[in-house]
């Protein structure tokens, strides 16, 4: 009778341990799903926000409400590289030419965040301080093409040849569960501002 009781106790301890392990795994799995789902939503929102701002600004390259202030659209991009571009535009449609610059900051700048690859994408308008926020951007890459659809090797030494731009933006989770970072990619293929194509 004593031996049978010990076996019963051992059996119940083993079964309790198995049940607790299953409960912990279910709890961990539920937490992971919740974390990943909310992370996916934030990721998509960050990508959409970034893409809308980029597309709005880039479509206005070479535009000015007063065309006399920006008479030559071929000179509306003074500097162009793979992750750094400066262009002229009239963002507020007030007839005044604005200088707009986008550039990607170094990875070391966000070394305190959980994601080891996220970077700041800076937007500078005229002489204002650079604006940015940590939206989980890991890549901002530009390719440039001439009117014959031939790629121009960056850094572009003759920016007046640029007729269209391909923009690639990669966004990852700022923080992830178990360091499993999701990502989303937005690519604007051959964005051509009507103003820089006016030759």
N, C-alpha and C. Protein backbone atom coordinates (compact mmCIF):
# COMPACT_ATOMS: atom_id res chain seq x y z
N UNK A 1 0.83 -1.19 0.00
CA UNK A 1 0.00 0.00 0.00
C UNK A 1 0.87 1.25 0.00
N UNK A 2 1.94 1.28 0.74
CA UNK A 2 2.83 2.43 0.77
C UNK A 2 3.52 2.65 -0.56
N UNK A 3 3.91 1.55 -1.21
CA UNK A 3 4.58 1.65 -2.50
C UNK A 3 3.63 2.18 -3.57
N UNK A 4 2.40 1.76 -3.52
CA UNK A 4 1.36 2.20 -4.46
C UNK A 4 1.09 3.70 -4.29
N UNK A 5 1.11 4.18 -3.07
CA UNK A 5 0.88 5.60 -2.81
C UNK A 5 2.02 6.44 -3.36
N UNK A 6 3.26 5.96 -3.18
CA UNK A 6 4.42 6.69 -3.72
C UNK A 6 4.33 6.77 -5.24
N UNK A 7 3.95 5.67 -5.87
CA UNK A 7 3.81 5.67 -7.34
C UNK A 7 2.71 6.63 -7.76
N UNK A 8 1.60 6.65 -7.02
CA UNK A 8 0.51 7.58 -7.34
C UNK A 8 0.98 9.03 -7.22
N UNK A 9 1.74 9.31 -6.16
CA UNK A 9 2.24 10.68 -5.95
C UNK A 9 3.22 11.06 -7.07
N UNK A 10 4.13 10.15 -7.39
CA UNK A 10 5.08 10.42 -8.48
C UNK A 10 4.35 10.62 -9.81
N UNK A 11 3.35 9.77 -10.06
CA UNK A 11 2.57 9.89 -11.30
C UNK A 11 1.86 11.23 -11.38
N UNK A 12 1.27 11.66 -10.26
CA UNK A 12 0.55 12.94 -10.27
C UNK A 12 1.52 14.11 -10.42
N UNK A 13 2.74 14.00 -9.85
CA UNK A 13 3.75 15.06 -10.02
C UNK A 13 4.15 15.15 -11.49
N UNK A 14 4.37 14.00 -12.11
CA UNK A 14 4.77 13.99 -13.53
C UNK A 14 3.66 14.57 -14.40
N UNK A 15 2.44 14.14 -14.16
CA UNK A 15 1.30 14.65 -14.94
C UNK A 15 1.11 16.14 -14.70
N UNK A 16 1.25 16.59 -13.46
CA UNK A 16 1.14 18.03 -13.15
C UNK A 16 2.23 18.81 -13.88
N UNK A 17 3.44 18.27 -13.90
CA UNK A 17 4.55 18.92 -14.60
C UNK A 17 4.27 19.05 -16.09
N UNK A 18 3.74 17.98 -16.68
CA UNK A 18 3.40 18.01 -18.11
C UNK A 18 2.31 19.04 -18.37
N UNK A 19 1.28 19.05 -17.53
CA UNK A 19 0.19 20.02 -17.70
C UNK A 19 0.68 21.46 -17.53
N UNK A 20 1.57 21.69 -16.55
CA UNK A 20 2.12 23.04 -16.36
C UNK A 20 2.97 23.47 -17.55
N UNK A 21 3.76 22.52 -18.10
CA UNK A 21 4.57 22.83 -19.28
C UNK A 21 3.68 23.21 -20.46
N UNK A 22 2.60 22.46 -20.66
CA UNK A 22 1.65 22.76 -21.74
C UNK A 22 1.01 24.14 -21.51
N UNK A 23 0.62 24.42 -20.26
CA UNK A 23 0.00 25.72 -19.95
C UNK A 23 0.98 26.87 -20.21
N UNK A 24 2.26 26.70 -19.81
CA UNK A 24 3.26 27.75 -20.05
C UNK A 24 3.49 27.96 -21.54
N UNK A 25 3.53 26.86 -22.29
CA UNK A 25 3.75 26.98 -23.75
C UNK A 25 2.56 27.68 -24.42
N UNK A 26 1.36 27.33 -23.98
CA UNK A 26 0.17 28.00 -24.54
C UNK A 26 0.19 29.49 -24.20
N UNK A 27 0.55 29.80 -22.97
CA UNK A 27 0.62 31.20 -22.56
C UNK A 27 1.68 31.95 -23.36
N UNK A 28 2.85 31.31 -23.52
CA UNK A 28 3.93 31.92 -24.29
C UNK A 28 3.54 32.11 -25.75
N UNK A 29 2.86 31.11 -26.30
CA UNK A 29 2.41 31.18 -27.69
C UNK A 29 1.38 32.29 -27.86
N UNK A 30 0.46 32.43 -26.90
CA UNK A 30 -0.55 33.49 -26.97
C UNK A 30 0.11 34.86 -26.87
N UNK A 31 1.09 34.99 -25.97
CA UNK A 31 1.80 36.27 -25.84
C UNK A 31 2.55 36.59 -27.13
N UNK A 32 3.19 35.58 -27.73
CA UNK A 32 3.93 35.80 -28.97
C UNK A 32 2.99 36.24 -30.09
N UNK A 33 1.83 35.57 -30.21
CA UNK A 33 0.86 35.93 -31.26
C UNK A 33 0.36 37.35 -31.06
N UNK A 34 0.04 37.69 -29.83
CA UNK A 34 -0.44 39.05 -29.54
C UNK A 34 0.62 40.08 -29.87
N UNK A 35 1.84 39.82 -29.44
CA UNK A 35 2.95 40.74 -29.67
C UNK A 35 3.20 40.89 -31.17
N UNK A 36 3.22 39.77 -31.89
CA UNK A 36 3.49 39.80 -33.34
C UNK A 36 2.37 40.49 -34.10
N UNK A 37 1.12 40.24 -33.71
CA UNK A 37 0.00 40.89 -34.41
C UNK A 37 0.01 42.39 -34.21
N UNK A 38 0.26 42.84 -32.98
CA UNK A 38 0.32 44.29 -32.75
C UNK A 38 1.55 44.88 -33.43
N UNK A 39 2.65 44.10 -33.46
CA UNK A 39 3.86 44.56 -34.16
C UNK A 39 3.63 44.69 -35.65
N UNK A 40 2.89 43.74 -36.24
CA UNK A 40 2.58 43.79 -37.68
C UNK A 40 1.76 45.03 -38.01
N UNK A 41 0.78 45.33 -37.16
CA UNK A 41 -0.05 46.51 -37.38
C UNK A 41 0.79 47.77 -37.32
N UNK A 42 1.64 47.89 -36.31
CA UNK A 42 2.51 49.06 -36.18
C UNK A 42 3.46 49.15 -37.37
N UNK A 43 3.99 48.02 -37.78
CA UNK A 43 4.90 47.96 -38.92
C UNK A 43 4.23 48.49 -40.18
N UNK A 44 3.01 48.03 -40.46
CA UNK A 44 2.28 48.47 -41.65
C UNK A 44 1.95 49.97 -41.57
N UNK A 45 1.56 50.43 -40.38
CA UNK A 45 1.25 51.86 -40.22
C UNK A 45 2.50 52.72 -40.45
N UNK A 46 3.65 52.28 -39.91
CA UNK A 46 4.89 53.02 -40.10
C UNK A 46 5.29 53.07 -41.57
N UNK A 47 5.11 51.95 -42.27
CA UNK A 47 5.45 51.91 -43.69
C UNK A 47 4.55 52.82 -44.50
N UNK A 48 3.26 52.78 -44.22
CA UNK A 48 2.30 53.62 -44.96
C UNK A 48 2.60 55.10 -44.73
N UNK A 49 2.84 55.47 -43.48
CA UNK A 49 3.14 56.88 -43.15
C UNK A 49 4.38 57.35 -43.90
N UNK A 50 5.45 56.56 -43.83
CA UNK A 50 6.71 56.93 -44.49
C UNK A 50 6.52 57.02 -46.00
N UNK A 51 5.83 56.04 -46.58
CA UNK A 51 5.64 56.00 -48.04
C UNK A 51 4.81 57.19 -48.52
N UNK A 52 3.77 57.56 -47.78
CA UNK A 52 2.94 58.69 -48.18
C UNK A 52 3.73 60.00 -48.20
N UNK A 53 4.55 60.20 -47.17
CA UNK A 53 5.35 61.43 -47.12
C UNK A 53 6.36 61.45 -48.26
N UNK A 54 7.06 60.34 -48.46
CA UNK A 54 8.05 60.27 -49.54
C UNK A 54 7.41 60.50 -50.90
N UNK A 55 6.31 59.82 -51.15
CA UNK A 55 5.67 59.94 -52.45
C UNK A 55 5.17 61.36 -52.70
N UNK A 56 4.61 61.99 -51.68
CA UNK A 56 4.13 63.36 -51.82
C UNK A 56 5.28 64.31 -52.18
N UNK A 57 6.37 64.22 -51.42
CA UNK A 57 7.50 65.11 -51.65
C UNK A 57 8.18 64.85 -53.00
N UNK A 58 8.42 63.58 -53.32
CA UNK A 58 9.14 63.25 -54.55
C UNK A 58 8.33 63.58 -55.80
N UNK A 59 7.01 63.52 -55.72
CA UNK A 59 6.19 63.88 -56.89
C UNK A 59 6.26 65.39 -57.17
N UNK A 60 6.66 66.15 -56.17
CA UNK A 60 6.73 67.61 -56.34
C UNK A 60 8.14 68.10 -56.74
N UNK A 61 9.04 67.16 -57.03
CA UNK A 61 10.38 67.58 -57.47
C UNK A 61 10.25 68.46 -58.70
N UNK A 62 10.86 69.63 -58.64
CA UNK A 62 10.85 70.54 -59.79
C UNK A 62 9.59 71.36 -59.94
N UNK A 63 8.65 71.22 -59.00
CA UNK A 63 7.40 71.98 -59.09
C UNK A 63 7.53 73.30 -58.33
N UNK A 64 6.95 74.35 -58.90
CA UNK A 64 6.83 75.63 -58.20
C UNK A 64 5.58 76.31 -58.70
N UNK A 65 4.75 76.83 -57.79
CA UNK A 65 3.51 77.51 -58.17
C UNK A 65 3.82 78.72 -59.04
N UNK A 66 4.98 79.33 -58.81
CA UNK A 66 5.44 80.42 -59.67
C UNK A 66 6.60 79.87 -60.51
N UNK A 67 6.33 79.46 -61.75
CA UNK A 67 7.36 78.82 -62.57
C UNK A 67 8.59 79.70 -62.82
N UNK A 68 8.45 81.01 -62.66
CA UNK A 68 9.61 81.90 -62.86
C UNK A 68 10.67 81.70 -61.77
N UNK A 69 10.26 81.20 -60.60
CA UNK A 69 11.21 80.98 -59.52
C UNK A 69 12.01 79.69 -59.68
N UNK A 70 11.53 78.78 -60.53
CA UNK A 70 12.23 77.53 -60.82
C UNK A 70 12.11 77.28 -62.33
N UNK A 71 12.81 78.10 -63.13
CA UNK A 71 12.60 78.08 -64.58
C UNK A 71 13.13 76.84 -65.29
N UNK A 72 14.13 76.16 -64.72
CA UNK A 72 14.74 75.02 -65.41
C UNK A 72 14.57 73.74 -64.58
N UNK A 73 13.57 72.91 -64.92
CA UNK A 73 13.31 71.70 -64.13
C UNK A 73 14.47 70.70 -64.14
N UNK A 74 15.33 70.76 -65.14
CA UNK A 74 16.46 69.81 -65.20
C UNK A 74 17.48 70.09 -64.10
N UNK A 75 17.37 71.25 -63.46
CA UNK A 75 18.29 71.57 -62.36
C UNK A 75 17.62 71.45 -61.00
N UNK A 76 16.52 70.71 -60.93
CA UNK A 76 15.79 70.61 -59.67
C UNK A 76 16.36 69.56 -58.72
N UNK A 77 17.36 68.78 -59.17
CA UNK A 77 18.02 67.82 -58.28
C UNK A 77 19.52 68.13 -58.29
N UNK A 78 20.01 68.89 -57.31
CA UNK A 78 21.44 69.21 -57.30
C UNK A 78 22.34 68.08 -56.81
N UNK A 79 21.77 67.15 -56.00
CA UNK A 79 22.60 66.06 -55.48
C UNK A 79 21.76 64.79 -55.38
N UNK A 80 22.34 63.67 -55.84
CA UNK A 80 21.62 62.40 -55.79
C UNK A 80 22.59 61.25 -55.57
N UNK A 81 22.33 60.47 -54.51
CA UNK A 81 23.12 59.27 -54.21
C UNK A 81 22.15 58.17 -53.77
N UNK A 82 22.66 57.00 -53.45
CA UNK A 82 21.80 55.86 -53.14
C UNK A 82 20.89 56.05 -51.93
N UNK A 83 21.33 56.79 -50.92
CA UNK A 83 20.48 57.01 -49.74
C UNK A 83 20.55 58.45 -49.26
N UNK A 84 20.79 59.35 -50.20
CA UNK A 84 20.89 60.78 -49.88
C UNK A 84 20.53 61.57 -51.13
N UNK A 85 19.51 62.40 -51.04
CA UNK A 85 19.09 63.19 -52.19
C UNK A 85 18.67 64.59 -51.75
N UNK A 86 18.99 65.57 -52.57
CA UNK A 86 18.56 66.95 -52.35
C UNK A 86 17.83 67.40 -53.61
N UNK A 87 16.68 68.04 -53.44
CA UNK A 87 15.94 68.52 -54.60
C UNK A 87 15.21 69.82 -54.27
N UNK A 88 14.80 70.52 -55.34
CA UNK A 88 14.05 71.77 -55.19
C UNK A 88 12.59 71.50 -55.48
N UNK A 89 11.73 72.15 -54.70
CA UNK A 89 10.30 71.95 -54.84
C UNK A 89 9.58 73.11 -54.17
N UNK A 90 8.29 73.17 -54.39
CA UNK A 90 7.44 74.15 -53.72
C UNK A 90 6.43 73.34 -52.91
N UNK A 91 6.82 72.92 -51.72
CA UNK A 91 6.00 71.99 -50.93
C UNK A 91 4.66 72.57 -50.53
N UNK A 92 4.61 73.87 -50.24
CA UNK A 92 3.37 74.50 -49.77
C UNK A 92 2.58 75.18 -50.88
N UNK A 93 3.07 75.07 -52.11
CA UNK A 93 2.43 75.73 -53.26
C UNK A 93 2.24 77.23 -53.02
N UNK A 94 3.26 77.85 -52.42
CA UNK A 94 3.20 79.29 -52.14
C UNK A 94 4.06 80.11 -53.10
N UNK A 95 4.61 79.46 -54.12
CA UNK A 95 5.43 80.16 -55.10
C UNK A 95 6.87 80.32 -54.70
N UNK A 96 7.23 79.87 -53.49
CA UNK A 96 8.61 79.95 -53.01
C UNK A 96 9.28 78.58 -53.17
N UNK A 97 10.51 78.59 -53.64
CA UNK A 97 11.24 77.33 -53.85
C UNK A 97 11.81 76.84 -52.52
N UNK A 98 11.53 75.58 -52.22
CA UNK A 98 12.05 74.95 -51.02
C UNK A 98 13.16 73.98 -51.40
N UNK A 99 14.17 73.87 -50.55
CA UNK A 99 15.21 72.87 -50.72
C UNK A 99 14.89 71.72 -49.78
N UNK A 100 14.75 70.53 -50.33
CA UNK A 100 14.38 69.36 -49.54
C UNK A 100 15.51 68.33 -49.64
N UNK A 101 15.87 67.78 -48.48
CA UNK A 101 16.89 66.74 -48.45
C UNK A 101 16.41 65.55 -47.64
N UNK A 102 16.60 64.36 -48.18
CA UNK A 102 16.36 63.12 -47.47
C UNK A 102 17.67 62.36 -47.37
N UNK A 103 17.97 61.87 -46.19
CA UNK A 103 19.17 61.04 -46.05
C UNK A 103 18.99 60.07 -44.89
N UNK A 104 19.69 58.94 -44.99
CA UNK A 104 19.61 57.88 -44.00
C UNK A 104 20.74 58.02 -43.00
N UNK A 105 20.41 57.99 -41.73
CA UNK A 105 21.42 58.09 -40.67
C UNK A 105 22.12 56.76 -40.46
N UNK A 106 23.19 56.76 -39.68
CA UNK A 106 23.94 55.51 -39.43
C UNK A 106 23.22 54.61 -38.43
N UNK A 107 23.53 53.32 -38.48
CA UNK A 107 22.96 52.34 -37.56
C UNK A 107 23.34 52.66 -36.12
N UNK A 108 24.54 53.18 -35.92
CA UNK A 108 25.04 53.47 -34.57
C UNK A 108 24.19 54.51 -33.84
N UNK A 109 23.45 55.30 -34.59
CA UNK A 109 22.63 56.35 -34.01
C UNK A 109 21.50 55.77 -33.14
N UNK A 110 21.02 54.58 -33.50
CA UNK A 110 19.94 53.93 -32.75
C UNK A 110 20.44 52.66 -32.08
N UNK A 111 21.65 52.69 -31.59
CA UNK A 111 22.23 51.50 -30.96
C UNK A 111 21.52 51.12 -29.66
N UNK A 112 20.75 52.03 -29.08
CA UNK A 112 20.04 51.75 -27.85
C UNK A 112 18.69 51.08 -28.06
N UNK A 113 18.26 50.92 -29.31
CA UNK A 113 16.96 50.29 -29.57
C UNK A 113 17.13 48.78 -29.70
N UNK A 114 16.05 48.02 -29.49
CA UNK A 114 16.16 46.55 -29.59
C UNK A 114 16.56 46.05 -30.98
N UNK A 115 16.06 46.71 -32.03
CA UNK A 115 16.38 46.27 -33.40
C UNK A 115 17.79 46.75 -33.76
N UNK A 116 18.69 45.83 -34.12
CA UNK A 116 20.07 46.24 -34.42
C UNK A 116 20.23 46.89 -35.80
N UNK A 117 19.19 46.87 -36.62
CA UNK A 117 19.31 47.39 -37.99
C UNK A 117 18.55 48.69 -38.24
N UNK A 118 17.72 49.14 -37.31
CA UNK A 118 16.91 50.33 -37.60
C UNK A 118 17.75 51.59 -37.64
N UNK A 119 17.28 52.53 -38.46
CA UNK A 119 18.01 53.78 -38.69
C UNK A 119 17.02 54.93 -38.79
N UNK A 120 17.53 56.12 -38.68
CA UNK A 120 16.70 57.31 -38.83
C UNK A 120 16.73 57.75 -40.29
N UNK A 121 15.56 58.06 -40.83
CA UNK A 121 15.48 58.68 -42.15
C UNK A 121 15.18 60.16 -41.90
N UNK A 122 16.11 61.00 -42.30
CA UNK A 122 15.99 62.44 -42.04
C UNK A 122 15.35 63.15 -43.22
N UNK A 123 14.54 64.15 -42.87
CA UNK A 123 13.93 65.03 -43.87
C UNK A 123 14.27 66.46 -43.44
N UNK A 124 14.95 67.17 -44.32
CA UNK A 124 15.35 68.54 -44.02
C UNK A 124 14.72 69.45 -45.07
N UNK A 125 14.00 70.46 -44.62
CA UNK A 125 13.39 71.44 -45.52
C UNK A 125 14.03 72.78 -45.24
N UNK A 126 14.65 73.34 -46.29
CA UNK A 126 15.35 74.62 -46.20
C UNK A 126 16.40 74.58 -45.09
N UNK A 127 16.40 75.55 -44.21
CA UNK A 127 17.40 75.58 -43.14
C UNK A 127 16.85 75.11 -41.80
N UNK A 128 15.70 74.45 -41.83
CA UNK A 128 15.11 73.95 -40.60
C UNK A 128 15.94 72.79 -40.06
N UNK A 129 15.84 72.50 -38.77
CA UNK A 129 16.55 71.33 -38.23
C UNK A 129 16.00 70.05 -38.87
N UNK A 130 16.84 69.04 -39.02
CA UNK A 130 16.36 67.77 -39.60
C UNK A 130 15.24 67.17 -38.76
N UNK A 131 14.25 66.61 -39.45
CA UNK A 131 13.14 65.94 -38.77
C UNK A 131 13.21 64.45 -39.04
N UNK A 132 12.96 63.69 -38.00
CA UNK A 132 12.95 62.24 -38.15
C UNK A 132 12.26 61.63 -36.94
N UNK A 133 11.92 60.37 -37.07
CA UNK A 133 11.41 59.61 -35.94
C UNK A 133 11.75 58.15 -36.20
N UNK A 134 11.83 57.38 -35.15
CA UNK A 134 12.20 55.99 -35.31
C UNK A 134 10.97 55.19 -35.73
N UNK A 135 10.84 54.97 -37.04
CA UNK A 135 9.73 54.20 -37.58
C UNK A 135 10.17 52.79 -37.97
N UNK A 136 11.37 52.41 -37.58
CA UNK A 136 11.86 51.07 -37.89
C UNK A 136 12.43 50.94 -39.29
N UNK A 137 12.80 52.05 -39.90
CA UNK A 137 13.35 52.00 -41.27
C UNK A 137 14.75 51.38 -41.22
N UNK A 138 14.96 50.37 -42.04
CA UNK A 138 16.27 49.73 -42.10
C UNK A 138 16.94 49.97 -43.45
N UNK A 139 16.16 50.38 -44.44
CA UNK A 139 16.76 50.62 -45.75
C UNK A 139 15.99 51.70 -46.49
N UNK A 140 16.71 52.65 -47.05
CA UNK A 140 16.18 53.69 -47.93
C UNK A 140 17.15 53.74 -49.09
N UNK A 141 16.71 53.24 -50.23
CA UNK A 141 17.64 53.06 -51.35
C UNK A 141 17.04 53.68 -52.62
N UNK A 142 17.84 54.47 -53.31
CA UNK A 142 17.39 55.16 -54.51
C UNK A 142 18.18 54.69 -55.73
N UNK A 143 17.46 54.53 -56.83
CA UNK A 143 18.09 54.25 -58.13
C UNK A 143 17.59 55.31 -59.10
N UNK A 144 18.44 55.74 -60.00
CA UNK A 144 18.12 56.85 -60.91
C UNK A 144 18.22 56.39 -62.36
N UNK A 145 17.29 56.91 -63.19
CA UNK A 145 17.23 56.51 -64.60
C UNK A 145 17.09 57.73 -65.48
N UNK A 146 17.67 57.63 -66.68
CA UNK A 146 17.56 58.73 -67.64
C UNK A 146 16.32 58.54 -68.52
N UNK A 147 16.15 59.41 -69.51
CA UNK A 147 14.96 59.35 -70.37
C UNK A 147 14.90 58.08 -71.20
N UNK A 148 16.03 57.40 -71.39
CA UNK A 148 16.07 56.15 -72.15
C UNK A 148 15.93 54.93 -71.24
N UNK A 149 15.60 55.19 -69.98
CA UNK A 149 15.41 54.14 -68.98
C UNK A 149 16.70 53.40 -68.65
N UNK A 150 17.82 54.06 -68.87
CA UNK A 150 19.13 53.50 -68.51
C UNK A 150 19.47 53.98 -67.11
N UNK A 151 19.99 53.06 -66.28
CA UNK A 151 20.33 53.43 -64.90
C UNK A 151 21.56 54.32 -64.87
N UNK A 152 21.50 55.35 -64.05
CA UNK A 152 22.61 56.27 -63.85
C UNK A 152 23.34 55.84 -62.58
N UNK A 153 24.64 55.62 -62.68
CA UNK A 153 25.42 55.16 -61.53
C UNK A 153 25.58 56.27 -60.49
N UNK A 154 25.20 55.99 -59.23
CA UNK A 154 25.37 57.00 -58.18
C UNK A 154 26.78 56.98 -57.61
N UNK A 155 27.26 58.05 -57.01
CA UNK A 155 26.56 59.33 -56.93
C UNK A 155 26.48 59.97 -58.31
N UNK A 156 25.33 60.54 -58.59
CA UNK A 156 25.04 61.08 -59.93
C UNK A 156 25.83 62.37 -60.12
N UNK A 157 26.72 62.37 -61.10
CA UNK A 157 27.55 63.55 -61.36
C UNK A 157 26.83 64.57 -62.23
N UNK A 158 25.85 64.12 -63.02
CA UNK A 158 25.06 65.03 -63.85
C UNK A 158 23.59 64.83 -63.51
N UNK A 159 23.11 65.42 -62.40
CA UNK A 159 21.73 65.19 -61.97
C UNK A 159 20.67 65.62 -62.97
N UNK A 160 21.02 66.50 -63.89
CA UNK A 160 20.07 66.94 -64.90
C UNK A 160 19.61 65.82 -65.81
N UNK A 161 20.32 64.71 -65.83
CA UNK A 161 19.93 63.57 -66.67
C UNK A 161 18.83 62.72 -66.03
N UNK A 162 18.57 62.91 -64.75
CA UNK A 162 17.58 62.08 -64.06
C UNK A 162 16.17 62.36 -64.59
N UNK A 163 15.53 61.29 -65.06
CA UNK A 163 14.15 61.41 -65.55
C UNK A 163 13.18 60.66 -64.64
N UNK A 164 13.66 59.63 -63.95
CA UNK A 164 12.80 58.89 -63.03
C UNK A 164 13.64 58.30 -61.90
N UNK A 165 12.97 58.00 -60.81
CA UNK A 165 13.64 57.51 -59.61
C UNK A 165 12.90 56.27 -59.11
N UNK A 166 13.66 55.27 -58.70
CA UNK A 166 13.07 54.11 -58.02
C UNK A 166 13.40 54.22 -56.55
N UNK A 167 12.38 54.16 -55.71
CA UNK A 167 12.57 54.29 -54.26
C UNK A 167 12.25 52.96 -53.59
N UNK A 168 13.15 52.47 -52.77
CA UNK A 168 12.90 51.26 -51.99
C UNK A 168 13.00 51.62 -50.51
N UNK A 169 11.98 51.24 -49.77
CA UNK A 169 11.93 51.52 -48.34
C UNK A 169 11.62 50.20 -47.62
N UNK A 170 12.48 49.83 -46.68
CA UNK A 170 12.26 48.62 -45.89
C UNK A 170 12.08 49.04 -44.43
N UNK A 171 11.00 48.54 -43.84
CA UNK A 171 10.69 48.86 -42.44
C UNK A 171 10.60 47.56 -41.66
N UNK A 172 11.21 47.52 -40.48
CA UNK A 172 11.14 46.36 -39.59
C UNK A 172 10.53 46.78 -38.26
N UNK A 173 10.14 45.77 -37.48
CA UNK A 173 9.65 46.05 -36.13
C UNK A 173 10.73 46.79 -35.34
N UNK A 174 10.32 47.77 -34.58
CA UNK A 174 11.27 48.48 -33.71
C UNK A 174 11.71 47.55 -32.57
N UNK A 175 10.78 46.75 -32.08
CA UNK A 175 11.08 45.74 -31.06
C UNK A 175 10.33 44.48 -31.45
N UNK A 176 10.91 43.31 -31.16
CA UNK A 176 10.27 42.06 -31.56
C UNK A 176 10.34 41.02 -30.46
N UNK A 177 9.44 40.08 -30.55
CA UNK A 177 9.40 38.98 -29.59
C UNK A 177 10.47 37.96 -29.96
N UNK A 178 11.35 37.64 -29.04
CA UNK A 178 12.44 36.68 -29.28
C UNK A 178 13.33 37.08 -30.46
N UNK A 179 13.46 38.37 -30.70
CA UNK A 179 14.30 38.90 -31.77
C UNK A 179 13.90 38.38 -33.15
N UNK A 180 12.61 38.07 -33.33
CA UNK A 180 12.08 37.66 -34.63
C UNK A 180 11.45 38.90 -35.26
N UNK A 181 12.23 39.64 -36.04
CA UNK A 181 11.77 40.91 -36.61
C UNK A 181 11.06 40.68 -37.94
N UNK A 182 9.83 41.17 -38.03
CA UNK A 182 9.10 41.15 -39.30
C UNK A 182 9.51 42.37 -40.10
N UNK A 183 9.36 42.29 -41.42
CA UNK A 183 9.65 43.48 -42.22
C UNK A 183 8.61 43.64 -43.31
N UNK A 184 8.55 44.84 -43.84
CA UNK A 184 7.66 45.16 -44.95
C UNK A 184 8.44 46.05 -45.90
N UNK A 185 8.19 45.85 -47.18
CA UNK A 185 8.93 46.60 -48.21
C UNK A 185 7.95 47.40 -49.06
N UNK A 186 8.30 48.64 -49.32
CA UNK A 186 7.56 49.49 -50.26
C UNK A 186 8.53 49.91 -51.35
N UNK A 187 8.12 49.72 -52.58
CA UNK A 187 8.98 50.13 -53.69
C UNK A 187 8.15 50.93 -54.69
N UNK A 188 8.59 52.13 -54.94
CA UNK A 188 7.97 52.96 -55.96
C UNK A 188 8.86 52.84 -57.19
N UNK A 189 8.39 52.11 -58.17
CA UNK A 189 9.20 51.87 -59.37
C UNK A 189 8.97 52.99 -60.36
N UNK A 190 10.06 53.58 -60.76
CA UNK A 190 10.07 54.63 -61.79
C UNK A 190 9.13 55.79 -61.47
N UNK A 191 9.28 56.34 -60.27
CA UNK A 191 8.54 57.54 -59.94
C UNK A 191 9.07 58.66 -60.82
N UNK A 192 8.20 59.22 -61.61
CA UNK A 192 8.63 60.29 -62.52
C UNK A 192 7.79 61.53 -62.25
N UNK A 193 8.41 62.52 -61.68
CA UNK A 193 7.73 63.78 -61.47
C UNK A 193 7.52 64.44 -62.83
N UNK A 194 6.31 64.93 -63.08
CA UNK A 194 6.05 65.56 -64.38
C UNK A 194 6.96 66.76 -64.61
N UNK A 195 7.39 67.36 -63.51
CA UNK A 195 8.17 68.59 -63.64
C UNK A 195 9.60 68.33 -64.09
N UNK A 196 10.24 67.23 -63.62
CA UNK A 196 11.61 66.98 -64.06
C UNK A 196 11.64 66.40 -65.47
N UNK A 197 10.48 65.96 -65.97
CA UNK A 197 10.44 65.46 -67.34
C UNK A 197 10.16 66.56 -68.35
N UNK A 198 9.89 67.76 -67.88
CA UNK A 198 9.69 68.87 -68.78
C UNK A 198 11.03 69.31 -69.32
N UNK A 199 11.32 69.01 -70.55
CA UNK A 199 12.62 69.32 -71.13
C UNK A 199 12.47 70.37 -72.22
